């Protein structure tokens, strides 16, 4: 599953230095993850500031899925984007599927 993750403002303007690719397994379709289960691997999924506490808790729970150094860096980059989304207004975390 190749996903791209981007932090953007309310006008869809990128607010991060670049996109981050995700190649490790995400729990899409797993109902035990309230937010991560909703990531559409073939479409777009957008999370807002109010969802970030739950998102970050779930993101921490899948940390072990990032095995390679590249995966670990991507996991960490997305965590930082999510923290920024949580801490600032008018920012959104967008997952873009294939």
N, C-alpha and C. Protein backbone atom coordinates (compact mmCIF):
# COMPACT_ATOMS: atom_id res chain seq x y z
N UNK A 1 0.86 -1.17 0.00
CA UNK A 1 0.00 0.00 0.00
C UNK A 1 0.90 1.23 0.00
N UNK A 2 0.88 2.01 -1.02
CA UNK A 2 1.65 3.23 -1.03
C UNK A 2 0.76 4.43 -0.75
N UNK A 3 1.00 5.09 0.36
CA UNK A 3 0.25 6.28 0.73
C UNK A 3 1.20 7.46 0.82
N UNK A 4 0.68 8.62 0.56
CA UNK A 4 1.42 9.86 0.73
C UNK A 4 0.71 10.67 1.81
N UNK A 5 1.49 11.28 2.69
CA UNK A 5 0.91 12.07 3.78
C UNK A 5 1.42 13.50 3.68
N UNK A 6 0.50 14.43 3.86
CA UNK A 6 0.82 15.85 3.72
C UNK A 6 0.09 16.64 4.78
N UNK A 7 0.76 17.64 5.35
CA UNK A 7 0.12 18.61 6.22
C UNK A 7 -0.27 19.79 5.34
N UNK A 8 -1.53 20.21 5.46
CA UNK A 8 -2.00 21.30 4.60
C UNK A 8 -2.90 22.25 5.36
N UNK A 9 -3.09 23.44 4.77
CA UNK A 9 -4.00 24.39 5.39
C UNK A 9 -5.41 24.20 4.84
N UNK A 10 -6.33 25.07 5.22
CA UNK A 10 -7.73 24.91 4.82
C UNK A 10 -7.96 25.11 3.33
N UNK A 11 -6.98 25.65 2.64
CA UNK A 11 -7.08 25.84 1.19
C UNK A 11 -6.32 24.75 0.43
N UNK A 12 -5.91 23.72 1.15
CA UNK A 12 -5.16 22.58 0.61
C UNK A 12 -3.74 22.95 0.20
N UNK A 13 -3.24 24.08 0.70
CA UNK A 13 -1.85 24.48 0.43
C UNK A 13 -0.94 23.68 1.38
N UNK A 14 0.09 23.02 0.84
CA UNK A 14 1.00 22.26 1.71
C UNK A 14 1.66 23.15 2.76
N UNK A 15 1.72 22.65 3.98
CA UNK A 15 2.33 23.36 5.09
C UNK A 15 3.55 22.63 5.63
N UNK A 16 3.98 21.59 4.94
CA UNK A 16 5.17 20.85 5.34
C UNK A 16 6.20 20.97 4.23
N UNK A 17 7.43 20.64 4.55
CA UNK A 17 8.52 20.76 3.58
C UNK A 17 8.33 19.85 2.38
N UNK A 18 7.68 18.75 2.58
CA UNK A 18 7.45 17.80 1.49
C UNK A 18 6.49 16.72 1.96
N UNK A 19 6.10 15.89 1.04
CA UNK A 19 5.22 14.78 1.38
C UNK A 19 6.03 13.64 1.98
N UNK A 20 5.36 12.82 2.77
CA UNK A 20 5.97 11.65 3.37
C UNK A 20 5.27 10.41 2.85
N UNK A 21 6.04 9.46 2.37
CA UNK A 21 5.48 8.22 1.87
C UNK A 21 5.36 7.19 2.98
N UNK A 22 4.29 6.40 2.93
CA UNK A 22 4.08 5.33 3.90
C UNK A 22 4.02 4.02 3.14
N UNK A 23 4.96 3.13 3.45
CA UNK A 23 4.97 1.83 2.81
C UNK A 23 4.78 0.70 3.81
N UNK A 24 4.70 1.02 5.10
CA UNK A 24 4.47 -0.03 6.09
C UNK A 24 2.96 -0.22 6.29
N UNK A 25 2.61 -1.32 6.93
CA UNK A 25 1.20 -1.71 7.08
C UNK A 25 0.46 -0.78 8.04
N UNK A 26 -0.69 -0.32 7.58
CA UNK A 26 -1.61 0.47 8.41
C UNK A 26 -2.85 -0.38 8.68
N UNK A 27 -3.52 -0.16 9.81
CA UNK A 27 -4.67 -0.99 10.17
C UNK A 27 -5.97 -0.56 9.49
N UNK A 28 -5.92 -0.34 8.19
CA UNK A 28 -7.14 0.05 7.47
C UNK A 28 -8.17 -1.07 7.58
N UNK A 29 -9.38 -0.70 7.92
CA UNK A 29 -10.45 -1.67 8.07
C UNK A 29 -10.50 -2.36 9.42
N UNK A 30 -9.54 -2.11 10.30
CA UNK A 30 -9.53 -2.74 11.63
C UNK A 30 -10.32 -1.86 12.58
N UNK A 31 -11.51 -2.27 13.00
CA UNK A 31 -12.36 -1.41 13.82
C UNK A 31 -11.83 -1.13 15.22
N UNK A 32 -10.77 -1.81 15.64
CA UNK A 32 -10.20 -1.49 16.95
C UNK A 32 -9.42 -0.18 16.90
N UNK A 33 -9.18 0.35 15.70
CA UNK A 33 -8.55 1.66 15.51
C UNK A 33 -9.63 2.60 14.98
N UNK A 34 -10.08 3.52 15.83
CA UNK A 34 -11.20 4.40 15.47
C UNK A 34 -10.92 5.28 14.26
N UNK A 35 -9.69 5.78 14.13
CA UNK A 35 -9.37 6.67 13.02
C UNK A 35 -8.55 5.99 11.94
N UNK A 36 -7.51 5.29 12.33
CA UNK A 36 -6.64 4.68 11.33
C UNK A 36 -7.37 3.66 10.47
N UNK A 37 -8.43 3.06 11.01
CA UNK A 37 -9.19 2.08 10.23
C UNK A 37 -9.89 2.75 9.05
N UNK A 38 -10.06 4.05 9.11
CA UNK A 38 -10.80 4.78 8.08
C UNK A 38 -9.92 5.30 6.95
N UNK A 39 -8.62 5.09 7.02
CA UNK A 39 -7.75 5.56 5.94
C UNK A 39 -8.05 4.77 4.68
N UNK A 40 -8.41 5.48 3.64
CA UNK A 40 -8.75 4.86 2.36
C UNK A 40 -7.47 4.67 1.55
N UNK A 41 -7.04 3.43 1.32
CA UNK A 41 -5.78 3.21 0.60
C UNK A 41 -5.86 3.61 -0.87
N UNK A 42 -7.05 3.85 -1.40
CA UNK A 42 -7.20 4.21 -2.81
C UNK A 42 -7.76 5.61 -3.03
N UNK A 43 -8.09 6.30 -1.95
CA UNK A 43 -8.66 7.64 -2.05
C UNK A 43 -7.93 8.58 -1.12
N UNK A 44 -8.64 9.58 -0.66
CA UNK A 44 -8.05 10.56 0.25
C UNK A 44 -8.79 10.55 1.58
N UNK A 45 -8.01 10.70 2.64
CA UNK A 45 -8.56 10.76 3.99
C UNK A 45 -7.94 11.97 4.67
N UNK A 46 -8.78 12.80 5.28
CA UNK A 46 -8.30 14.03 5.91
C UNK A 46 -8.69 14.02 7.39
N UNK A 47 -7.71 14.33 8.24
CA UNK A 47 -7.94 14.43 9.68
C UNK A 47 -7.74 15.87 10.11
N UNK A 48 -8.52 16.30 11.11
CA UNK A 48 -8.40 17.67 11.60
C UNK A 48 -7.80 17.71 13.01
N UNK A 49 -7.63 18.89 13.52
CA UNK A 49 -6.99 19.14 14.81
C UNK A 49 -7.69 18.42 15.96
N UNK A 50 -9.00 18.38 15.94
CA UNK A 50 -9.74 17.75 17.03
C UNK A 50 -9.56 16.23 17.07
N UNK A 51 -9.13 15.65 15.98
CA UNK A 51 -8.92 14.21 15.91
C UNK A 51 -7.48 13.79 16.27
N UNK A 52 -6.61 14.75 16.46
CA UNK A 52 -5.19 14.43 16.59
C UNK A 52 -4.81 13.68 17.86
N UNK A 53 -5.49 13.90 18.98
CA UNK A 53 -5.13 13.14 20.19
C UNK A 53 -5.38 11.66 19.97
N UNK A 54 -6.53 11.32 19.42
CA UNK A 54 -6.84 9.92 19.12
C UNK A 54 -5.90 9.39 18.06
N UNK A 55 -5.68 10.18 17.00
CA UNK A 55 -4.78 9.77 15.94
C UNK A 55 -3.39 9.46 16.49
N UNK A 56 -2.86 10.35 17.32
CA UNK A 56 -1.51 10.16 17.86
C UNK A 56 -1.42 8.92 18.76
N UNK A 57 -2.45 8.65 19.53
CA UNK A 57 -2.46 7.44 20.36
C UNK A 57 -2.45 6.19 19.48
N UNK A 58 -3.26 6.20 18.44
CA UNK A 58 -3.29 5.07 17.53
C UNK A 58 -1.98 4.96 16.74
N UNK A 59 -1.42 6.09 16.36
CA UNK A 59 -0.15 6.10 15.62
C UNK A 59 0.96 5.48 16.47
N UNK A 60 0.97 5.81 17.75
CA UNK A 60 1.95 5.23 18.67
C UNK A 60 1.78 3.71 18.74
N UNK A 61 0.55 3.25 18.69
CA UNK A 61 0.26 1.81 18.80
C UNK A 61 0.78 1.01 17.60
N UNK A 62 0.97 1.66 16.45
CA UNK A 62 1.44 0.93 15.27
C UNK A 62 2.92 1.16 15.00
N UNK A 63 3.62 1.76 15.93
CA UNK A 63 5.03 2.08 15.73
C UNK A 63 5.85 0.86 15.32
N UNK A 64 5.52 -0.30 15.84
CA UNK A 64 6.29 -1.52 15.54
C UNK A 64 6.12 -1.97 14.09
N UNK A 65 5.15 -1.44 13.38
CA UNK A 65 4.98 -1.79 11.96
C UNK A 65 6.08 -1.16 11.10
N UNK A 66 6.68 -0.10 11.59
CA UNK A 66 7.77 0.57 10.88
C UNK A 66 9.07 -0.16 11.22
N UNK A 67 9.52 -1.02 10.31
CA UNK A 67 10.66 -1.88 10.60
C UNK A 67 11.96 -1.33 10.04
N UNK A 68 11.97 -0.92 8.79
CA UNK A 68 13.20 -0.41 8.18
C UNK A 68 13.48 1.01 8.68
N UNK A 69 14.70 1.46 8.48
CA UNK A 69 15.06 2.83 8.87
C UNK A 69 14.22 3.84 8.11
N UNK A 70 13.95 3.56 6.85
CA UNK A 70 13.11 4.46 6.04
C UNK A 70 11.69 4.52 6.61
N UNK A 71 11.16 3.37 6.99
CA UNK A 71 9.82 3.32 7.59
C UNK A 71 9.79 4.07 8.92
N UNK A 72 10.82 3.88 9.73
CA UNK A 72 10.88 4.56 11.03
C UNK A 72 10.94 6.07 10.85
N UNK A 73 11.69 6.52 9.85
CA UNK A 73 11.77 7.95 9.58
C UNK A 73 10.42 8.49 9.12
N UNK A 74 9.74 7.73 8.26
CA UNK A 74 8.41 8.14 7.79
C UNK A 74 7.43 8.19 8.96
N UNK A 75 7.47 7.16 9.83
CA UNK A 75 6.59 7.13 11.00
C UNK A 75 6.82 8.37 11.86
N UNK A 76 8.07 8.70 12.11
CA UNK A 76 8.42 9.85 12.93
C UNK A 76 8.00 11.16 12.26
N UNK A 77 8.21 11.28 10.96
CA UNK A 77 7.80 12.49 10.24
C UNK A 77 6.29 12.71 10.37
N UNK A 78 5.52 11.64 10.22
CA UNK A 78 4.07 11.77 10.30
C UNK A 78 3.65 12.11 11.72
N UNK A 79 4.33 11.56 12.70
CA UNK A 79 4.04 11.93 14.09
C UNK A 79 4.25 13.42 14.30
N UNK A 80 5.34 13.95 13.78
CA UNK A 80 5.62 15.38 13.92
C UNK A 80 4.57 16.23 13.20
N UNK A 81 4.14 15.80 12.02
CA UNK A 81 3.08 16.52 11.30
C UNK A 81 1.79 16.50 12.09
N UNK A 82 1.47 15.35 12.68
CA UNK A 82 0.24 15.22 13.48
C UNK A 82 0.31 16.11 14.72
N UNK A 83 1.46 16.20 15.35
CA UNK A 83 1.60 17.07 16.52
C UNK A 83 1.43 18.53 16.13
N UNK A 84 1.96 18.89 14.99
CA UNK A 84 1.78 20.26 14.52
C UNK A 84 0.31 20.53 14.19
N UNK A 85 -0.34 19.55 13.57
CA UNK A 85 -1.77 19.67 13.27
C UNK A 85 -2.57 19.85 14.56
N UNK A 86 -2.21 19.11 15.58
CA UNK A 86 -2.90 19.20 16.88
C UNK A 86 -2.69 20.57 17.53
N UNK A 87 -1.51 21.12 17.39
CA UNK A 87 -1.14 22.33 18.12
C UNK A 87 -1.47 23.64 17.41
N UNK A 88 -1.77 23.59 16.12
CA UNK A 88 -2.06 24.80 15.36
C UNK A 88 -3.46 24.72 14.77
N UNK A 89 -4.03 25.86 14.47
CA UNK A 89 -5.37 25.88 13.89
C UNK A 89 -5.28 25.92 12.37
N UNK A 90 -6.37 25.51 11.72
CA UNK A 90 -6.50 25.54 10.27
C UNK A 90 -5.50 24.65 9.54
N UNK A 91 -5.06 23.57 10.20
CA UNK A 91 -4.19 22.61 9.56
C UNK A 91 -4.88 21.25 9.53
N UNK A 92 -4.57 20.48 8.50
CA UNK A 92 -5.20 19.18 8.29
C UNK A 92 -4.14 18.19 7.83
N UNK A 93 -4.27 16.95 8.29
CA UNK A 93 -3.37 15.89 7.89
C UNK A 93 -4.07 15.05 6.83
N UNK A 94 -3.51 15.04 5.62
CA UNK A 94 -4.15 14.37 4.48
C UNK A 94 -3.35 13.12 4.10
N UNK A 95 -4.05 12.00 4.02
CA UNK A 95 -3.50 10.75 3.50
C UNK A 95 -4.02 10.58 2.08
N UNK A 96 -3.11 10.39 1.14
CA UNK A 96 -3.47 10.28 -0.27
C UNK A 96 -3.11 8.87 -0.73
N UNK A 97 -4.12 8.11 -1.14
CA UNK A 97 -3.92 6.75 -1.60
C UNK A 97 -3.51 6.66 -3.04
N UNK A 98 -3.28 5.42 -3.49
CA UNK A 98 -2.87 5.17 -4.88
C UNK A 98 -3.93 5.58 -5.86
